[in-house]
Amino acid sequence: MSHIILLHVSGEEAIVGEVEELPQPTDTVITITNPRRKDGKELPSIDTRAVKVIWPLSRINFIEILGGEGEDQIISFVRE
């Protein structure tokens, strides 16, 4: 199952991408698929043909895990 994350790299803007697995405490790198800016535009520092990017976790401030569009939404009231 893939997760959509928001990666906060020190000294750079936040990056959105997908990961197959969340990083473990023993990992030293994180591999992001389909990296892009929060607004969906391409990252100027990455080649447009790149589909995966590997960052060392030592450069990451923190990672946000975003909810997917396919997750169930709770409906509190339905009127027929």
N, C-alpha and C. Protein backbone atom coordinates (compact mmCIF):
# COMPACT_ATOMS: atom_id res chain seq x y z
N MET A 1 0.84 -1.17 0.00
CA MET A 1 0.00 0.00 0.00
C MET A 1 0.89 1.24 0.00
N SER A 2 0.62 2.12 -0.90
CA SER A 2 1.42 3.33 -1.00
C SER A 2 0.84 4.43 -0.12
N HIS A 3 1.73 5.28 0.40
CA HIS A 3 1.34 6.40 1.26
C HIS A 3 1.74 7.69 0.56
N ILE A 4 0.88 8.70 0.65
CA ILE A 4 1.23 10.03 0.16
C ILE A 4 1.81 10.79 1.35
N ILE A 5 3.01 11.36 1.13
CA ILE A 5 3.67 12.06 2.23
C ILE A 5 4.06 13.47 1.80
N LEU A 6 4.27 14.30 2.79
CA LEU A 6 4.78 15.64 2.61
C LEU A 6 6.13 15.66 3.31
N LEU A 7 7.18 15.78 2.53
CA LEU A 7 8.55 15.66 3.02
C LEU A 7 9.13 17.06 3.22
N HIS A 8 9.59 17.36 4.42
CA HIS A 8 10.17 18.66 4.73
C HIS A 8 11.68 18.52 4.77
N VAL A 9 12.33 18.89 3.66
CA VAL A 9 13.78 18.81 3.53
C VAL A 9 14.34 20.12 4.07
N SER A 10 15.40 20.04 4.89
CA SER A 10 15.96 21.27 5.48
C SER A 10 16.50 22.19 4.38
N GLY A 11 16.09 23.47 4.47
CA GLY A 11 16.55 24.48 3.55
C GLY A 11 15.82 24.50 2.21
N GLU A 12 14.79 23.67 2.03
CA GLU A 12 14.04 23.62 0.77
C GLU A 12 12.54 23.64 1.07
N GLU A 13 11.76 23.86 0.00
CA GLU A 13 10.31 23.83 0.18
C GLU A 13 9.82 22.39 0.35
N ALA A 14 8.63 22.24 0.89
CA ALA A 14 8.07 20.90 1.13
C ALA A 14 7.82 20.18 -0.19
N ILE A 15 7.98 18.86 -0.17
CA ILE A 15 7.86 18.03 -1.36
C ILE A 15 6.80 16.97 -1.11
N VAL A 16 5.88 16.81 -2.06
CA VAL A 16 4.85 15.78 -1.99
C VAL A 16 5.30 14.61 -2.85
N GLY A 17 5.03 13.40 -2.38
CA GLY A 17 5.37 12.21 -3.15
C GLY A 17 4.75 10.99 -2.52
N GLU A 18 4.99 9.84 -3.15
CA GLU A 18 4.46 8.59 -2.64
C GLU A 18 5.61 7.70 -2.19
N VAL A 19 5.36 6.91 -1.17
CA VAL A 19 6.30 5.90 -0.70
C VAL A 19 5.55 4.59 -0.55
N GLU A 20 6.21 3.49 -0.83
CA GLU A 20 5.59 2.18 -0.65
C GLU A 20 5.49 1.82 0.82
N GLU A 21 6.55 2.13 1.57
CA GLU A 21 6.57 1.85 3.01
C GLU A 21 7.10 3.07 3.73
N LEU A 22 6.59 3.32 4.92
CA LEU A 22 7.09 4.42 5.73
C LEU A 22 8.48 4.05 6.26
N PRO A 23 9.36 5.04 6.44
CA PRO A 23 10.72 4.73 6.90
C PRO A 23 10.72 4.14 8.30
N GLN A 24 11.63 3.22 8.51
CA GLN A 24 11.82 2.57 9.80
C GLN A 24 12.92 3.30 10.57
N PRO A 25 13.01 3.13 11.87
CA PRO A 25 14.06 3.81 12.66
C PRO A 25 15.48 3.46 12.21
N THR A 26 15.66 2.32 11.58
CA THR A 26 17.00 1.90 11.15
C THR A 26 17.36 2.39 9.74
N ASP A 27 16.40 2.98 9.00
CA ASP A 27 16.66 3.45 7.64
C ASP A 27 17.55 4.69 7.65
N THR A 28 18.33 4.84 6.58
CA THR A 28 19.19 6.02 6.43
C THR A 28 18.76 6.88 5.25
N VAL A 29 17.91 6.34 4.36
CA VAL A 29 17.42 7.08 3.20
C VAL A 29 15.92 6.87 3.04
N ILE A 30 15.29 7.75 2.27
CA ILE A 30 13.89 7.59 1.93
C ILE A 30 13.76 7.74 0.42
N THR A 31 13.01 6.85 -0.21
CA THR A 31 12.80 6.88 -1.65
C THR A 31 11.39 7.37 -1.94
N ILE A 32 11.29 8.47 -2.67
CA ILE A 32 10.02 9.10 -3.01
C ILE A 32 9.72 8.85 -4.48
N THR A 33 8.51 8.44 -4.79
CA THR A 33 8.06 8.27 -6.17
C THR A 33 7.20 9.47 -6.56
N ASN A 34 7.35 9.93 -7.79
CA ASN A 34 6.58 11.04 -8.33
C ASN A 34 6.70 12.31 -7.47
N PRO A 35 7.93 12.80 -7.24
CA PRO A 35 8.10 14.00 -6.40
C PRO A 35 7.58 15.25 -7.12
N ARG A 36 6.94 16.14 -6.34
CA ARG A 36 6.41 17.38 -6.88
C ARG A 36 6.23 18.38 -5.74
N ARG A 37 5.99 19.64 -6.10
CA ARG A 37 5.71 20.65 -5.09
C ARG A 37 4.30 20.46 -4.55
N LYS A 38 3.97 21.15 -3.47
CA LYS A 38 2.63 21.01 -2.88
C LYS A 38 1.53 21.43 -3.84
N ASP A 39 1.83 22.35 -4.74
CA ASP A 39 0.82 22.80 -5.70
C ASP A 39 0.77 21.93 -6.95
N GLY A 40 1.55 20.85 -6.96
CA GLY A 40 1.53 19.90 -8.08
C GLY A 40 2.53 20.20 -9.18
N LYS A 41 3.21 21.32 -9.11
CA LYS A 41 4.18 21.68 -10.14
C LYS A 41 5.48 20.91 -9.95
N GLU A 42 6.31 20.89 -11.01
CA GLU A 42 7.58 20.18 -10.96
C GLU A 42 8.56 20.90 -10.03
N LEU A 43 9.48 20.12 -9.49
CA LEU A 43 10.53 20.68 -8.65
C LEU A 43 11.66 21.20 -9.54
N PRO A 44 12.09 22.44 -9.36
CA PRO A 44 13.14 22.97 -10.23
C PRO A 44 14.50 22.29 -10.06
N SER A 45 14.75 21.70 -8.90
CA SER A 45 16.05 21.08 -8.64
C SER A 45 16.13 19.63 -9.11
N ILE A 46 15.04 19.08 -9.63
CA ILE A 46 15.00 17.68 -10.05
C ILE A 46 14.66 17.60 -11.53
N ASP A 47 15.34 16.75 -12.25
CA ASP A 47 15.09 16.56 -13.68
C ASP A 47 13.64 16.13 -13.90
N THR A 48 13.03 16.62 -14.96
CA THR A 48 11.62 16.33 -15.22
C THR A 48 11.37 14.86 -15.56
N ARG A 49 12.41 14.13 -15.96
CA ARG A 49 12.25 12.71 -16.29
C ARG A 49 12.37 11.80 -15.08
N ALA A 50 12.76 12.34 -13.93
CA ALA A 50 12.95 11.53 -12.72
C ALA A 50 11.60 11.06 -12.18
N VAL A 51 11.50 9.77 -11.89
CA VAL A 51 10.27 9.22 -11.31
C VAL A 51 10.46 8.81 -9.86
N LYS A 52 11.72 8.62 -9.45
CA LYS A 52 12.04 8.30 -8.05
C LYS A 52 13.24 9.13 -7.64
N VAL A 53 13.20 9.58 -6.39
CA VAL A 53 14.31 10.35 -5.83
C VAL A 53 14.61 9.78 -4.45
N ILE A 54 15.89 9.69 -4.13
CA ILE A 54 16.33 9.15 -2.84
C ILE A 54 16.98 10.28 -2.05
N TRP A 55 16.47 10.56 -0.84
CA TRP A 55 17.04 11.57 0.03
C TRP A 55 17.61 10.90 1.27
N PRO A 56 18.74 11.40 1.77
CA PRO A 56 19.23 10.90 3.07
C PRO A 56 18.34 11.44 4.18
N LEU A 57 17.98 10.61 5.12
CA LEU A 57 17.10 11.04 6.21
C LEU A 57 17.76 12.09 7.09
N SER A 58 19.08 12.22 7.02
CA SER A 58 19.77 13.25 7.80
C SER A 58 19.40 14.66 7.33
N ARG A 59 18.88 14.81 6.11
CA ARG A 59 18.47 16.11 5.58
C ARG A 59 16.99 16.40 5.80
N ILE A 60 16.26 15.46 6.37
CA ILE A 60 14.81 15.60 6.54
C ILE A 60 14.51 16.14 7.94
N ASN A 61 13.73 17.23 8.00
CA ASN A 61 13.29 17.76 9.29
C ASN A 61 12.17 16.91 9.87
N PHE A 62 11.13 16.68 9.06
CA PHE A 62 10.04 15.80 9.48
C PHE A 62 9.23 15.40 8.26
N ILE A 63 8.38 14.39 8.44
CA ILE A 63 7.56 13.83 7.37
C ILE A 63 6.11 13.85 7.82
N GLU A 64 5.23 14.38 6.96
CA GLU A 64 3.79 14.33 7.23
C GLU A 64 3.16 13.26 6.36
N ILE A 65 2.30 12.44 6.93
CA ILE A 65 1.59 11.41 6.19
C ILE A 65 0.20 11.95 5.89
N LEU A 66 -0.11 12.10 4.60
CA LEU A 66 -1.38 12.69 4.19
C LEU A 66 -2.42 11.61 3.98
N GLY A 67 -3.67 11.94 4.26
CA GLY A 67 -4.78 11.02 4.02
C GLY A 67 -5.04 10.90 2.53
N GLY A 68 -5.32 9.71 2.08
CA GLY A 68 -5.58 9.50 0.67
C GLY A 68 -7.00 9.84 0.30
N GLU A 69 -7.22 10.08 -0.98
CA GLU A 69 -8.56 10.39 -1.46
C GLU A 69 -9.47 9.17 -1.39
N GLY A 70 -8.87 7.98 -1.41
CA GLY A 70 -9.66 6.77 -1.41
C GLY A 70 -10.09 6.30 -0.03
N GLU A 71 -9.65 6.99 1.02
CA GLU A 71 -10.02 6.58 2.36
C GLU A 71 -11.50 6.86 2.60
N ASP A 72 -12.08 6.06 3.46
CA ASP A 72 -13.51 6.21 3.77
C ASP A 72 -13.74 7.52 4.50
N GLN A 73 -14.81 8.19 4.14
CA GLN A 73 -15.20 9.41 4.82
C GLN A 73 -16.40 9.09 5.70
N ILE A 74 -16.41 9.68 6.88
CA ILE A 74 -17.51 9.45 7.82
C ILE A 74 -18.62 10.44 7.52
N ILE A 75 -19.81 9.92 7.31
CA ILE A 75 -20.97 10.77 7.07
C ILE A 75 -21.80 10.75 8.34
N SER A 76 -21.98 11.93 8.95
CA SER A 76 -22.62 11.96 10.24
C SER A 76 -24.15 12.00 10.16
N PHE A 77 -24.70 12.50 9.04
CA PHE A 77 -26.16 12.60 8.96
C PHE A 77 -26.57 12.46 7.50
N VAL A 78 -27.52 11.58 7.25
CA VAL A 78 -28.04 11.39 5.90
C VAL A 78 -29.54 11.56 5.97
N ARG A 79 -30.06 12.42 5.11
CA ARG A 79 -31.50 12.64 5.09
C ARG A 79 -32.03 12.16 3.76
N GLU A 80 -33.04 11.31 3.80
CA GLU A 80 -33.61 10.76 2.56
C GLU A 80 -34.90 11.43 2.20
